[in-house]
Amino acid sequence: MKVEIEDVLFWMDAIRNSKDRYRTLESFWKGQVRSKIWLSECLEKQIFHLDNTISIYGGWNGVLAGILFNSKISIKHITSVDIDPICEEIANTVNKNYEMSGRFKAVTADMCTYTLPADIVINTSCEHVTQEQYDQWLINQPDNALFVLQSNNYFTHTEHVRCSTDVKSFIEVSNLDVLFADKLDTSKYERYMIIGKKP
């Protein structure tokens, strides 16, 4: 995957201008970036139409959106949703090229109560919400969307309340008809991914 140099420069701006540079840098760690590239490459194989609208829940600092914009996926618009208000400005800077052209927007909201129309719905923070919260989130999402979910077995992280032990257990709690499922080994944990549809 080739990344536009202008995008990289805005990524550096986001880190430099952040009030907590270390926390912002966390979203560019090897495991985080590799997990997002893996998602992008697997999603490319499932997409067959143009001008996709994408919602990313748990979008954090907008790095996944930036990677998707540099992929082969035809994208009309991405909305990145995160409950942390600090993330909105950072995510808009990371994706400044696309924000300025009206193709990207970062939103501060609770994923359990926020919804909007989308062709592709991504949730890379499944381990950060309880089963009850996840179920409510899924109910609120568009019925015909393609879903991409990620979780992990990083149980020792203090913010992780719903990790999975393996891909099978992740599938069991996700309540989707699965089209694709796999795992990615990182140095600290295994990341699991499901691509599927509502039953």
N, C-alpha and C. Protein backbone atom coordinates (compact mmCIF):
# COMPACT_ATOMS: atom_id res chain seq x y z
N MET A 1 0.84 -1.19 0.00
CA MET A 1 0.00 0.00 0.00
C MET A 1 0.87 1.25 0.00
N LYS A 2 0.60 2.16 -0.91
CA LYS A 2 1.31 3.43 -0.96
C LYS A 2 0.50 4.49 -0.21
N VAL A 3 1.20 5.30 0.55
CA VAL A 3 0.56 6.37 1.31
C VAL A 3 0.97 7.71 0.74
N GLU A 4 -0.01 8.58 0.50
CA GLU A 4 0.27 9.92 -0.02
C GLU A 4 1.14 10.69 0.96
N ILE A 5 2.20 11.34 0.47
CA ILE A 5 3.11 12.07 1.34
C ILE A 5 2.39 13.20 2.07
N GLU A 6 1.40 13.82 1.42
CA GLU A 6 0.65 14.89 2.09
C GLU A 6 -0.09 14.36 3.31
N ASP A 7 -0.57 13.13 3.22
CA ASP A 7 -1.24 12.52 4.37
C ASP A 7 -0.25 12.33 5.52
N VAL A 8 0.95 11.84 5.20
CA VAL A 8 1.97 11.63 6.24
C VAL A 8 2.31 12.94 6.92
N LEU A 9 2.41 14.01 6.17
CA LEU A 9 2.72 15.32 6.75
C LEU A 9 1.63 15.77 7.71
N PHE A 10 0.38 15.51 7.37
CA PHE A 10 -0.72 15.85 8.29
C PHE A 10 -0.70 14.94 9.52
N TRP A 11 -0.29 13.69 9.34
CA TRP A 11 -0.15 12.80 10.51
C TRP A 11 0.88 13.38 11.48
N MET A 12 1.97 13.90 10.95
CA MET A 12 3.00 14.50 11.80
C MET A 12 2.46 15.77 12.48
N ASP A 13 1.67 16.54 11.76
CA ASP A 13 1.04 17.72 12.36
C ASP A 13 0.15 17.33 13.53
N ALA A 14 -0.60 16.24 13.37
CA ALA A 14 -1.51 15.79 14.42
C ALA A 14 -0.74 15.43 15.68
N ILE A 15 0.39 14.75 15.51
CA ILE A 15 1.22 14.39 16.66
C ILE A 15 1.84 15.63 17.29
N ARG A 16 2.40 16.49 16.47
CA ARG A 16 3.09 17.69 16.97
C ARG A 16 2.13 18.62 17.70
N ASN A 17 0.90 18.77 17.20
CA ASN A 17 -0.05 19.70 17.79
C ASN A 17 -0.87 19.11 18.94
N SER A 18 -0.70 17.82 19.19
CA SER A 18 -1.48 17.16 20.23
C SER A 18 -1.06 17.62 21.62
N LYS A 19 -2.03 17.74 22.52
CA LYS A 19 -1.73 18.10 23.91
C LYS A 19 -1.09 16.94 24.67
N ASP A 20 -1.32 15.71 24.19
CA ASP A 20 -0.71 14.52 24.78
C ASP A 20 -0.07 13.73 23.64
N ARG A 21 1.15 14.10 23.29
CA ARG A 21 1.80 13.51 22.13
C ARG A 21 2.00 12.01 22.26
N TYR A 22 2.34 11.56 23.47
CA TYR A 22 2.56 10.13 23.66
C TYR A 22 1.28 9.35 23.39
N ARG A 23 0.16 9.84 23.90
CA ARG A 23 -1.12 9.17 23.70
C ARG A 23 -1.47 9.14 22.21
N THR A 24 -1.19 10.22 21.50
CA THR A 24 -1.46 10.26 20.06
C THR A 24 -0.54 9.30 19.31
N LEU A 25 0.71 9.23 19.74
CA LEU A 25 1.66 8.31 19.11
C LEU A 25 1.24 6.86 19.27
N GLU A 26 0.50 6.54 20.34
CA GLU A 26 0.04 5.16 20.54
C GLU A 26 -0.73 4.64 19.34
N SER A 27 -1.48 5.50 18.68
CA SER A 27 -2.29 5.06 17.54
C SER A 27 -1.43 4.78 16.31
N PHE A 28 -0.14 5.10 16.37
CA PHE A 28 0.79 4.81 15.27
C PHE A 28 1.77 3.69 15.63
N TRP A 29 1.56 3.01 16.76
CA TRP A 29 2.41 1.88 17.11
C TRP A 29 2.28 0.77 16.07
N LYS A 30 3.32 -0.06 15.97
CA LYS A 30 3.36 -1.09 14.93
C LYS A 30 2.12 -1.98 14.94
N GLY A 31 1.73 -2.46 16.13
CA GLY A 31 0.58 -3.35 16.21
C GLY A 31 -0.70 -2.68 15.75
N GLN A 32 -0.86 -1.41 16.10
CA GLN A 32 -2.05 -0.66 15.70
C GLN A 32 -2.08 -0.46 14.19
N VAL A 33 -0.98 -0.01 13.62
CA VAL A 33 -0.94 0.26 12.18
C VAL A 33 -1.07 -1.04 11.37
N ARG A 34 -0.38 -2.08 11.80
CA ARG A 34 -0.47 -3.36 11.07
C ARG A 34 -1.88 -3.93 11.12
N SER A 35 -2.56 -3.78 12.26
CA SER A 35 -3.94 -4.26 12.37
C SER A 35 -4.85 -3.52 11.41
N LYS A 36 -4.62 -2.24 11.23
CA LYS A 36 -5.46 -1.42 10.35
C LYS A 36 -5.15 -1.70 8.87
N ILE A 37 -3.89 -1.91 8.55
CA ILE A 37 -3.54 -2.28 7.17
C ILE A 37 -4.14 -3.65 6.84
N TRP A 38 -4.06 -4.58 7.77
CA TRP A 38 -4.67 -5.90 7.60
C TRP A 38 -6.16 -5.78 7.34
N LEU A 39 -6.84 -4.96 8.13
CA LEU A 39 -8.27 -4.72 7.92
C LEU A 39 -8.53 -4.19 6.52
N SER A 40 -7.77 -3.19 6.13
CA SER A 40 -7.95 -2.57 4.81
C SER A 40 -7.76 -3.58 3.68
N GLU A 41 -6.72 -4.38 3.77
CA GLU A 41 -6.43 -5.35 2.71
C GLU A 41 -7.50 -6.43 2.63
N CYS A 42 -7.99 -6.89 3.78
CA CYS A 42 -9.05 -7.91 3.77
C CYS A 42 -10.37 -7.33 3.29
N LEU A 43 -10.66 -6.09 3.66
CA LEU A 43 -11.90 -5.45 3.25
C LEU A 43 -11.92 -5.22 1.74
N GLU A 44 -10.77 -4.89 1.17
CA GLU A 44 -10.69 -4.68 -0.29
C GLU A 44 -11.25 -5.87 -1.06
N LYS A 45 -11.05 -7.06 -0.54
CA LYS A 45 -11.47 -8.29 -1.24
C LYS A 45 -12.97 -8.53 -1.13
N GLN A 46 -13.64 -7.78 -0.25
CA GLN A 46 -15.08 -7.97 -0.04
C GLN A 46 -15.93 -6.88 -0.69
N ILE A 47 -15.29 -5.86 -1.27
CA ILE A 47 -16.01 -4.70 -1.79
C ILE A 47 -16.10 -4.79 -3.31
N PHE A 48 -17.33 -4.61 -3.82
CA PHE A 48 -17.52 -4.74 -5.26
C PHE A 48 -18.24 -3.54 -5.89
N HIS A 49 -18.53 -2.50 -5.10
CA HIS A 49 -19.20 -1.35 -5.69
C HIS A 49 -18.44 -0.06 -5.35
N LEU A 50 -18.82 1.02 -6.01
CA LEU A 50 -18.11 2.28 -5.91
C LEU A 50 -18.76 3.21 -4.89
N ASP A 51 -18.00 4.23 -4.51
CA ASP A 51 -18.52 5.34 -3.68
C ASP A 51 -19.13 4.86 -2.37
N ASN A 52 -18.37 4.10 -1.61
CA ASN A 52 -18.84 3.58 -0.34
C ASN A 52 -18.85 4.66 0.74
N THR A 53 -19.90 4.66 1.54
CA THR A 53 -19.91 5.47 2.76
C THR A 53 -19.55 4.53 3.92
N ILE A 54 -18.65 5.01 4.78
CA ILE A 54 -18.11 4.17 5.84
C ILE A 54 -18.27 4.86 7.19
N SER A 55 -18.74 4.11 8.18
CA SER A 55 -18.77 4.58 9.57
C SER A 55 -17.76 3.76 10.36
N ILE A 56 -16.89 4.44 11.09
CA ILE A 56 -15.91 3.78 11.95
C ILE A 56 -16.25 4.12 13.39
N TYR A 57 -16.57 3.11 14.18
CA TYR A 57 -16.88 3.31 15.59
C TYR A 57 -15.68 2.91 16.44
N GLY A 58 -15.37 3.76 17.42
CA GLY A 58 -14.11 3.61 18.13
C GLY A 58 -12.98 4.06 17.23
N GLY A 59 -13.25 5.13 16.46
CA GLY A 59 -12.31 5.60 15.45
C GLY A 59 -11.04 6.21 15.99
N TRP A 60 -11.03 6.52 17.29
CA TRP A 60 -9.85 7.00 18.00
C TRP A 60 -9.27 8.23 17.30
N ASN A 61 -8.01 8.18 16.87
CA ASN A 61 -7.36 9.35 16.28
C ASN A 61 -7.43 9.39 14.76
N GLY A 62 -8.27 8.56 14.17
CA GLY A 62 -8.52 8.65 12.73
C GLY A 62 -7.51 7.96 11.83
N VAL A 63 -6.62 7.16 12.41
CA VAL A 63 -5.58 6.53 11.59
C VAL A 63 -6.18 5.50 10.62
N LEU A 64 -7.16 4.73 11.08
CA LEU A 64 -7.78 3.76 10.18
C LEU A 64 -8.40 4.44 8.98
N ALA A 65 -9.09 5.55 9.19
CA ALA A 65 -9.67 6.29 8.06
C ALA A 65 -8.58 6.71 7.08
N GLY A 66 -7.46 7.20 7.60
CA GLY A 66 -6.36 7.60 6.73
C GLY A 66 -5.82 6.45 5.91
N ILE A 67 -5.72 5.27 6.51
CA ILE A 67 -5.26 4.09 5.79
C ILE A 67 -6.27 3.67 4.73
N LEU A 68 -7.56 3.72 5.07
CA LEU A 68 -8.60 3.35 4.10
C LEU A 68 -8.60 4.30 2.91
N PHE A 69 -8.40 5.58 3.16
CA PHE A 69 -8.35 6.54 2.05
C PHE A 69 -7.18 6.26 1.11
N ASN A 70 -6.13 5.63 1.62
CA ASN A 70 -4.97 5.28 0.80
C ASN A 70 -5.06 3.87 0.22
N SER A 71 -6.17 3.19 0.44
CA SER A 71 -6.36 1.83 -0.08
C SER A 71 -6.99 1.87 -1.47
N LYS A 72 -7.32 0.70 -1.99
CA LYS A 72 -7.96 0.59 -3.30
C LYS A 72 -9.48 0.68 -3.22
N ILE A 73 -10.03 0.85 -2.02
CA ILE A 73 -11.47 0.93 -1.82
C ILE A 73 -11.99 2.28 -2.32
N SER A 74 -13.06 2.25 -3.08
CA SER A 74 -13.69 3.48 -3.57
C SER A 74 -14.53 4.07 -2.43
N ILE A 75 -14.15 5.27 -1.98
CA ILE A 75 -14.77 5.86 -0.80
C ILE A 75 -15.39 7.21 -1.12
N LYS A 76 -16.67 7.33 -0.80
CA LYS A 76 -17.36 8.61 -0.93
C LYS A 76 -17.17 9.45 0.33
N HIS A 77 -17.34 8.81 1.50
CA HIS A 77 -17.22 9.55 2.76
C HIS A 77 -16.96 8.59 3.91
N ILE A 78 -16.16 9.04 4.87
CA ILE A 78 -15.93 8.31 6.12
C ILE A 78 -16.30 9.20 7.30
N THR A 79 -17.07 8.65 8.23
CA THR A 79 -17.33 9.30 9.51
C THR A 79 -16.65 8.47 10.58
N SER A 80 -15.82 9.12 11.39
CA SER A 80 -15.11 8.45 12.47
C SER A 80 -15.70 8.89 13.80
N VAL A 81 -16.23 7.93 14.56
CA VAL A 81 -16.95 8.22 15.79
C VAL A 81 -16.14 7.73 16.99
N ASP A 82 -15.96 8.60 17.98
CA ASP A 82 -15.29 8.20 19.21
C ASP A 82 -15.88 8.99 20.37
N ILE A 83 -15.98 8.35 21.53
CA ILE A 83 -16.58 8.98 22.70
C ILE A 83 -15.64 10.00 23.36
N ASP A 84 -14.35 9.90 23.08
CA ASP A 84 -13.35 10.80 23.66
C ASP A 84 -13.28 12.10 22.86
N PRO A 85 -13.66 13.24 23.44
CA PRO A 85 -13.68 14.50 22.67
C PRO A 85 -12.30 14.95 22.19
N ILE A 86 -11.25 14.48 22.85
CA ILE A 86 -9.90 14.86 22.43
C ILE A 86 -9.58 14.32 21.04
N CYS A 87 -10.20 13.20 20.69
CA CYS A 87 -9.89 12.54 19.41
C CYS A 87 -10.39 13.31 18.19
N GLU A 88 -11.43 14.09 18.34
CA GLU A 88 -12.06 14.73 17.18
C GLU A 88 -11.09 15.63 16.43
N GLU A 89 -10.42 16.53 17.13
CA GLU A 89 -9.49 17.45 16.47
C GLU A 89 -8.31 16.70 15.87
N ILE A 90 -7.80 15.70 16.59
CA ILE A 90 -6.67 14.93 16.08
C ILE A 90 -7.05 14.18 14.82
N ALA A 91 -8.22 13.52 14.85
CA ALA A 91 -8.68 12.74 13.69
C ALA A 91 -8.91 13.64 12.48
N ASN A 92 -9.44 14.84 12.71
CA ASN A 92 -9.64 15.77 11.60
C ASN A 92 -8.32 16.24 11.02
N THR A 93 -7.29 16.36 11.85
CA THR A 93 -5.97 16.74 11.34
C THR A 93 -5.32 15.59 10.58
N VAL A 94 -5.41 14.38 11.13
CA VAL A 94 -4.85 13.19 10.45
C VAL A 94 -5.44 13.05 9.05
N ASN A 95 -6.72 13.38 8.91
CA ASN A 95 -7.42 13.24 7.62
C ASN A 95 -7.75 14.59 6.99
N LYS A 96 -6.88 15.57 7.20
CA LYS A 96 -7.16 16.95 6.78
C LYS A 96 -7.46 17.07 5.29
N ASN A 97 -6.70 16.35 4.45
CA ASN A 97 -6.96 16.41 3.00
C ASN A 97 -8.40 16.06 2.68
N TYR A 98 -8.93 15.06 3.37
CA TYR A 98 -10.27 14.54 3.07
C TYR A 98 -11.35 15.34 3.81
N GLU A 99 -11.00 15.88 4.96
CA GLU A 99 -11.93 16.77 5.65
C GLU A 99 -12.18 18.03 4.82
N MET A 100 -11.12 18.59 4.26
CA MET A 100 -11.24 19.82 3.47
C MET A 100 -12.06 19.61 2.21
N SER A 101 -12.03 18.39 1.68
CA SER A 101 -12.79 18.09 0.46
C SER A 101 -14.18 17.54 0.76
N GLY A 102 -14.56 17.49 2.04
CA GLY A 102 -15.89 17.04 2.43
C GLY A 102 -16.07 15.54 2.44
N ARG A 103 -14.97 14.79 2.49
CA ARG A 103 -15.06 13.32 2.46
C ARG A 103 -14.81 12.68 3.82
N PHE A 104 -14.48 13.49 4.82
CA PHE A 104 -14.21 12.95 6.16
C PHE A 104 -14.77 13.87 7.23
N LYS A 105 -15.27 13.23 8.28
CA LYS A 105 -15.72 13.99 9.45
C LYS A 105 -15.51 13.15 10.70
N ALA A 106 -14.91 13.76 11.72
CA ALA A 106 -14.79 13.12 13.03
C ALA A 106 -15.91 13.63 13.92
N VAL A 107 -16.52 12.71 14.68
CA VAL A 107 -17.67 13.02 15.52
C VAL A 107 -17.40 12.51 16.93
N THR A 108 -17.70 13.34 17.93
CA THR A 108 -17.64 12.91 19.33
C THR A 108 -19.02 12.42 19.74
N ALA A 109 -19.14 11.12 20.01
CA ALA A 109 -20.44 10.54 20.36
C ALA A 109 -20.25 9.17 20.97
N ASP A 110 -21.27 8.73 21.68
CA ASP A 110 -21.31 7.38 22.24
C ASP A 110 -21.80 6.42 21.16
N MET A 111 -20.99 5.44 20.81
CA MET A 111 -21.36 4.53 19.73
C MET A 111 -22.67 3.78 20.00
N CYS A 112 -23.02 3.63 21.28
CA CYS A 112 -24.23 2.87 21.62
C CYS A 112 -25.51 3.61 21.27
N THR A 113 -25.42 4.92 21.10
CA THR A 113 -26.62 5.70 20.81
C THR A 113 -26.53 6.45 19.49
N TYR A 114 -25.36 6.42 18.83
CA TYR A 114 -25.16 7.18 17.59
C TYR A 114 -25.25 6.25 16.39
N THR A 115 -25.97 6.68 15.37
CA THR A 115 -26.05 5.87 14.15
C THR A 115 -26.25 6.78 12.95
N LEU A 116 -25.84 6.31 11.80
CA LEU A 116 -26.07 7.03 10.55
C LEU A 116 -25.99 6.02 9.41
N PRO A 117 -26.58 6.35 8.25
CA PRO A 117 -26.55 5.42 7.12
C PRO A 117 -25.11 5.17 6.67
N ALA A 118 -24.82 3.92 6.30
CA ALA A 118 -23.49 3.58 5.80
C ALA A 118 -23.55 2.28 5.04
N ASP A 119 -22.67 2.17 4.03
CA ASP A 119 -22.53 0.91 3.31
C ASP A 119 -21.66 -0.07 4.09
N ILE A 120 -20.66 0.48 4.79
CA ILE A 120 -19.71 -0.32 5.56
C ILE A 120 -19.65 0.23 6.97
N VAL A 121 -19.83 -0.64 7.95
CA VAL A 121 -19.77 -0.25 9.36
C VAL A 121 -18.61 -0.99 10.01
N ILE A 122 -17.69 -0.23 10.58
CA ILE A 122 -16.48 -0.79 11.18
C ILE A 122 -16.47 -0.50 12.68
N ASN A 123 -16.15 -1.51 13.46
CA ASN A 123 -15.97 -1.34 14.90
C ASN A 123 -14.70 -2.06 15.30
N THR A 124 -13.65 -1.30 15.56
CA THR A 124 -12.37 -1.90 15.95
C THR A 124 -12.17 -1.85 17.46
N SER A 125 -13.24 -1.53 18.20
CA SER A 125 -13.14 -1.38 19.66
C SER A 125 -14.09 -2.32 20.39
N CYS A 126 -14.31 -3.49 19.84
CA CYS A 126 -15.28 -4.42 20.44
C CYS A 126 -14.88 -4.83 21.85
N GLU A 127 -13.59 -4.79 22.16
CA GLU A 127 -13.14 -5.17 23.50
C GLU A 127 -13.36 -4.05 24.52
N HIS A 128 -13.73 -2.87 24.07
CA HIS A 128 -13.91 -1.72 24.96
C HIS A 128 -15.35 -1.55 25.44
N VAL A 129 -16.27 -2.39 24.97
CA VAL A 129 -17.67 -2.27 25.36
C VAL A 129 -18.19 -3.60 25.91
N THR A 130 -19.15 -3.53 26.81
CA THR A 130 -19.76 -4.74 27.35
C THR A 130 -20.61 -5.41 26.29
N GLN A 131 -21.03 -6.64 26.54
CA GLN A 131 -21.91 -7.33 25.60
C GLN A 131 -23.22 -6.59 25.42
N GLU A 132 -23.76 -6.06 26.51
CA GLU A 132 -25.01 -5.29 26.43
C GLU A 132 -24.84 -4.05 25.56
N GLN A 133 -23.74 -3.34 25.73
CA GLN A 133 -23.47 -2.15 24.91
C GLN A 133 -23.28 -2.54 23.45
N TYR A 134 -22.55 -3.61 23.21
CA TYR A 134 -22.34 -4.06 21.83
C TYR A 134 -23.66 -4.42 21.17
N ASP A 135 -24.50 -5.18 21.88
CA ASP A 135 -25.78 -5.59 21.31
C ASP A 135 -26.64 -4.38 20.95
N GLN A 136 -26.64 -3.36 21.81
CA GLN A 136 -27.41 -2.14 21.53
C GLN A 136 -26.84 -1.42 20.31
N TRP A 137 -25.51 -1.36 20.23
CA TRP A 137 -24.86 -0.73 19.08
C TRP A 137 -25.26 -1.44 17.79
N LEU A 138 -25.21 -2.77 17.80
CA LEU A 138 -25.51 -3.53 16.59
C LEU A 138 -26.96 -3.33 16.15
N ILE A 139 -27.89 -3.30 17.09
CA ILE A 139 -29.30 -3.07 16.78
C ILE A 139 -29.49 -1.75 16.05
N ASN A 140 -28.73 -0.74 16.44
CA ASN A 140 -28.90 0.60 15.89
C ASN A 140 -28.28 0.78 14.50
N GLN A 141 -27.50 -0.18 14.05
CA GLN A 141 -26.79 -0.02 12.78
C GLN A 141 -27.65 -0.44 11.59
N PRO A 142 -27.32 0.08 10.39
CA PRO A 142 -28.11 -0.24 9.18
C PRO A 142 -28.16 -1.75 8.92
N ASP A 143 -29.33 -2.24 8.56
CA ASP A 143 -29.52 -3.68 8.38
C ASP A 143 -28.76 -4.25 7.19
N ASN A 144 -28.56 -3.45 6.15
CA ASN A 144 -27.94 -3.97 4.93
C ASN A 144 -26.44 -3.68 4.82
N ALA A 145 -25.85 -3.14 5.87
CA ALA A 145 -24.43 -2.78 5.82
C ALA A 145 -23.54 -4.01 5.88
N LEU A 146 -22.32 -3.86 5.38
CA LEU A 146 -21.27 -4.84 5.57
C LEU A 146 -20.52 -4.45 6.83
N PHE A 147 -20.36 -5.39 7.76
CA PHE A 147 -19.75 -5.10 9.05
C PHE A 147 -18.32 -5.64 9.10
N VAL A 148 -17.44 -4.86 9.72
CA VAL A 148 -16.07 -5.28 9.98
C VAL A 148 -15.81 -5.06 11.46
N LEU A 149 -15.51 -6.13 12.18
CA LEU A 149 -15.30 -6.06 13.62
C LEU A 149 -13.90 -6.55 13.97
N GLN A 150 -13.29 -5.88 14.95
CA GLN A 150 -12.02 -6.36 15.48
C GLN A 150 -12.07 -6.39 17.01
N SER A 151 -11.40 -7.38 17.57
CA SER A 151 -11.20 -7.49 19.01
C SER A 151 -9.84 -8.14 19.23
N ASN A 152 -9.55 -8.52 20.48
CA ASN A 152 -8.26 -9.14 20.77
C ASN A 152 -8.32 -9.94 22.07
N ASN A 153 -7.20 -10.55 22.41
CA ASN A 153 -7.10 -11.29 23.67
C ASN A 153 -6.16 -10.60 24.65
N TYR A 154 -6.12 -9.28 24.59
CA TYR A 154 -5.24 -8.48 25.44
C TYR A 154 -5.98 -8.17 26.75
N PHE A 155 -6.17 -9.18 27.58
CA PHE A 155 -6.99 -9.09 28.78
C PHE A 155 -6.40 -8.16 29.83
N THR A 156 -5.10 -7.95 29.83
CA THR A 156 -4.46 -7.18 30.90
C THR A 156 -4.60 -5.67 30.73
N HIS A 157 -5.06 -5.22 29.57
CA HIS A 157 -5.25 -3.78 29.37
C HIS A 157 -6.44 -3.31 30.21
N THR A 158 -6.24 -2.23 30.95
CA THR A 158 -7.27 -1.79 31.91
C THR A 158 -8.56 -1.32 31.25
N GLU A 159 -8.51 -0.91 29.98
CA GLU A 159 -9.71 -0.42 29.29
C GLU A 159 -10.47 -1.53 28.56
N HIS A 160 -9.95 -2.74 28.59
CA HIS A 160 -10.57 -3.85 27.87
C HIS A 160 -11.53 -4.61 28.79
N VAL A 161 -12.81 -4.58 28.46
CA VAL A 161 -13.84 -5.20 29.31
C VAL A 161 -14.50 -6.41 28.64
N ARG A 162 -14.17 -6.69 27.37
CA ARG A 162 -14.84 -7.77 26.64
C ARG A 162 -13.91 -8.37 25.59
N CYS A 163 -12.78 -8.88 26.03
CA CYS A 163 -11.85 -9.53 25.12
C CYS A 163 -12.39 -10.91 24.73
N SER A 164 -11.77 -11.49 23.71
CA SER A 164 -12.10 -12.85 23.28
C SER A 164 -10.86 -13.72 23.42
N THR A 165 -11.06 -15.01 23.57
CA THR A 165 -9.93 -15.92 23.73
C THR A 165 -9.40 -16.43 22.39
N ASP A 166 -10.26 -16.41 21.37
CA ASP A 166 -9.87 -16.85 20.03
C ASP A 166 -10.92 -16.38 19.03
N VAL A 167 -10.71 -16.68 17.76
CA VAL A 167 -11.64 -16.23 16.72
C VAL A 167 -13.03 -16.81 16.94
N LYS A 168 -13.08 -18.09 17.31
CA LYS A 168 -14.38 -18.75 17.51
C LYS A 168 -15.21 -18.05 18.58
N SER A 169 -14.59 -17.72 19.70
CA SER A 169 -15.34 -17.06 20.77
C SER A 169 -15.77 -15.65 20.36
N PHE A 170 -14.96 -14.99 19.54
CA PHE A 170 -15.33 -13.66 19.04
C PHE A 170 -16.54 -13.76 18.12
N ILE A 171 -16.57 -14.77 17.27
CA ILE A 171 -17.71 -14.98 16.38
C ILE A 171 -18.98 -15.20 17.20
N GLU A 172 -18.87 -15.99 18.26
CA GLU A 172 -20.03 -16.35 19.07
C GLU A 172 -20.71 -15.14 19.71
N VAL A 173 -19.94 -14.13 20.09
CA VAL A 173 -20.53 -12.95 20.76
C VAL A 173 -20.85 -11.82 19.79
N SER A 174 -20.54 -12.00 18.50
CA SER A 174 -20.70 -10.89 17.54
C SER A 174 -22.06 -10.87 16.85
N ASN A 175 -22.77 -12.00 16.83
CA ASN A 175 -24.13 -12.05 16.29
C ASN A 175 -24.22 -11.60 14.84
N LEU A 176 -23.30 -12.07 14.02
CA LEU A 176 -23.30 -11.78 12.59
C LEU A 176 -23.23 -13.07 11.79
N ASP A 177 -23.72 -13.02 10.55
CA ASP A 177 -23.45 -14.08 9.58
C ASP A 177 -22.07 -13.80 9.00
N VAL A 178 -21.12 -14.65 9.26
CA VAL A 178 -19.72 -14.37 8.98
C VAL A 178 -19.33 -14.74 7.54
N LEU A 179 -18.71 -13.78 6.85
CA LEU A 179 -18.18 -14.00 5.51
C LEU A 179 -16.68 -14.27 5.55
N PHE A 180 -16.04 -13.73 6.57
CA PHE A 180 -14.58 -13.85 6.71
C PHE A 180 -14.23 -13.75 8.18
N ALA A 181 -13.28 -14.56 8.63
CA ALA A 181 -12.79 -14.48 10.01
C ALA A 181 -11.35 -14.95 10.04
N ASP A 182 -10.52 -14.24 10.81
CA ASP A 182 -9.11 -14.62 10.89
C ASP A 182 -8.48 -13.93 12.09
N LYS A 183 -7.20 -14.23 12.32
CA LYS A 183 -6.48 -13.57 13.40
C LYS A 183 -5.14 -13.05 12.88
N LEU A 184 -4.63 -12.04 13.58
CA LEU A 184 -3.32 -11.46 13.28
C LEU A 184 -2.51 -11.50 14.56
N ASP A 185 -1.34 -12.11 14.51
CA ASP A 185 -0.46 -12.17 15.68
C ASP A 185 0.36 -10.89 15.77
N THR A 186 0.35 -10.27 16.95
CA THR A 186 1.24 -9.15 17.22
C THR A 186 2.17 -9.56 18.35
N SER A 187 3.08 -8.70 18.70
CA SER A 187 4.05 -9.06 19.74
C SER A 187 3.42 -9.18 21.13
N LYS A 188 2.28 -8.50 21.35
CA LYS A 188 1.65 -8.47 22.67
C LYS A 188 0.37 -9.30 22.77
N TYR A 189 -0.32 -9.49 21.64
CA TYR A 189 -1.63 -10.13 21.68
C TYR A 189 -2.01 -10.62 20.29
N GLU A 190 -3.13 -11.33 20.22
CA GLU A 190 -3.73 -11.71 18.94
C GLU A 190 -4.90 -10.77 18.66
N ARG A 191 -4.97 -10.27 17.44
CA ARG A 191 -6.12 -9.46 17.04
C ARG A 191 -7.02 -10.31 16.14
N TYR A 192 -8.31 -10.28 16.43
CA TYR A 192 -9.29 -11.07 15.68
C TYR A 192 -10.14 -10.15 14.82
N MET A 193 -10.52 -10.64 13.66
CA MET A 193 -11.35 -9.83 12.76
C MET A 193 -12.45 -10.68 12.13
N ILE A 194 -13.63 -10.07 12.04
CA ILE A 194 -14.78 -10.68 11.39
C ILE A 194 -15.31 -9.70 10.37
N ILE A 195 -15.66 -10.19 9.20
CA ILE A 195 -16.40 -9.42 8.21
C ILE A 195 -17.70 -10.18 7.96
N GLY A 196 -18.83 -9.49 8.07
CA GLY A 196 -20.10 -10.19 7.91
C GLY A 196 -21.28 -9.28 7.79
N LYS A 197 -22.47 -9.88 7.87
CA LYS A 197 -23.73 -9.16 7.73
C LYS A 197 -24.65 -9.52 8.90
N LYS A 198 -25.63 -8.66 9.12
CA LYS A 198 -26.65 -9.02 10.10
C LYS A 198 -27.43 -10.23 9.61
N PRO A 199 -27.84 -11.11 10.52
CA PRO A 199 -28.61 -12.30 10.11
C PRO A 199 -29.94 -11.91 9.47
